[in-house]
Amino acid sequence: MTRKAKTVSPQKVLITKEQYIEDIKVRWQIHQYEINKLGEDLNKVAQTVAPYVQKIMDYSVSKYQELRDRYVTIK
């Protein structure tokens, strides 16, 4: 014999229009805070990575110029 669980519908919990508007305002404040923190973190990443990118660019340019000078044909 198998038992079947009774299905019970959850009670509806409704909030007022004013509570809903306040909730939206709070969520927007949280969103703005998180976006600002993301911007700060991305700035830190950019500042940390920038010297390495510059080093790679300098190396690439110097190697390109070295190879170009080596293989330039004189007319």
Protein backbone atom coordinates (compact mmCIF):
# COMPACT_ATOMS: atom_id res chain seq x y z
CA MET A 1 0.00 0.00 0.00
CA THR A 2 1.42 3.39 -0.98
CA ARG A 3 0.57 6.55 0.81
CA LYS A 4 -0.08 9.73 -1.07
CA ALA A 5 0.90 13.02 0.46
CA LYS A 6 -1.78 15.60 0.67
CA THR A 7 -1.15 18.56 -1.54
CA VAL A 8 -1.60 21.76 0.33
CA SER A 9 -1.59 25.03 -1.50
CA PRO A 10 0.52 27.70 0.16
CA GLN A 11 -1.21 30.62 1.75
CA LYS A 12 -1.10 33.75 -0.32
CA VAL A 13 0.99 36.40 1.33
CA LEU A 14 0.29 39.71 -0.27
CA ILE A 15 2.04 42.94 0.46
CA THR A 16 0.62 46.37 0.09
CA LYS A 17 1.45 48.68 -2.78
CA GLU A 18 3.49 50.84 -0.40
CA GLN A 19 5.48 47.83 0.84
CA TYR A 20 6.10 46.80 -2.75
CA ILE A 21 7.39 50.27 -3.66
CA GLU A 22 9.66 50.31 -0.59
CA ASP A 23 10.97 46.88 -1.51
CA ILE A 24 11.81 48.10 -5.01
CA LYS A 25 13.63 51.12 -3.55
CA VAL A 26 15.68 48.94 -1.21
CA ARG A 27 16.53 46.51 -4.00
CA TRP A 28 17.61 49.42 -6.20
CA GLN A 29 19.88 50.73 -3.43
CA ILE A 30 21.42 47.26 -3.09
CA HIS A 31 21.88 47.09 -6.86
CA GLN A 32 23.59 50.50 -6.92
CA TYR A 33 25.89 49.51 -4.04
CA GLU A 34 26.88 46.27 -5.76
CA ILE A 35 27.50 48.03 -9.09
CA ASN A 36 29.72 50.61 -7.36
CA LYS A 37 31.69 47.83 -5.65
CA LEU A 38 32.05 46.06 -9.00
CA GLY A 39 33.41 49.26 -10.53
CA GLU A 40 35.94 49.59 -7.70
CA ASP A 41 37.05 45.99 -8.16
CA LEU A 42 37.39 46.39 -11.94
CA ASN A 43 39.51 49.52 -11.41
CA LYS A 44 41.79 47.58 -9.07
CA VAL A 45 42.10 44.79 -11.64
CA ALA A 46 42.93 47.29 -14.38
CA GLN A 47 45.59 48.96 -12.20
CA THR A 48 47.10 45.59 -11.32
CA VAL A 49 47.15 44.26 -14.88
CA ALA A 50 48.22 47.47 -16.67
CA PRO A 51 51.98 47.12 -16.01
CA TYR A 52 51.97 43.56 -17.34
CA VAL A 53 50.05 44.56 -20.46
CA GLN A 54 52.47 47.43 -21.03
CA LYS A 55 55.40 45.05 -20.64
CA ILE A 56 53.89 42.67 -23.20
CA MET A 57 53.25 45.54 -25.61
CA ASP A 58 56.81 46.86 -25.27
CA TYR A 59 58.23 43.37 -25.83
CA SER A 60 56.00 42.78 -28.85
CA VAL A 61 56.91 46.10 -30.46
CA SER A 62 60.63 45.58 -29.90
CA LYS A 63 60.52 42.04 -31.34
CA TYR A 64 58.48 43.21 -34.33
CA GLN A 65 60.95 46.00 -35.03
CA GLU A 66 63.85 43.58 -34.61
CA LEU A 67 62.35 41.10 -37.08
CA ARG A 68 61.37 43.85 -39.51
CA ASP A 69 64.89 45.26 -39.48
CA ARG A 70 66.38 41.82 -39.96
CA TYR A 71 64.27 40.96 -42.99
CA VAL A 72 64.03 44.31 -44.76
CA THR A 73 65.30 44.05 -48.28
CA ILE A 74 67.47 46.85 -49.58
CA LYS A 75 66.32 48.24 -52.89
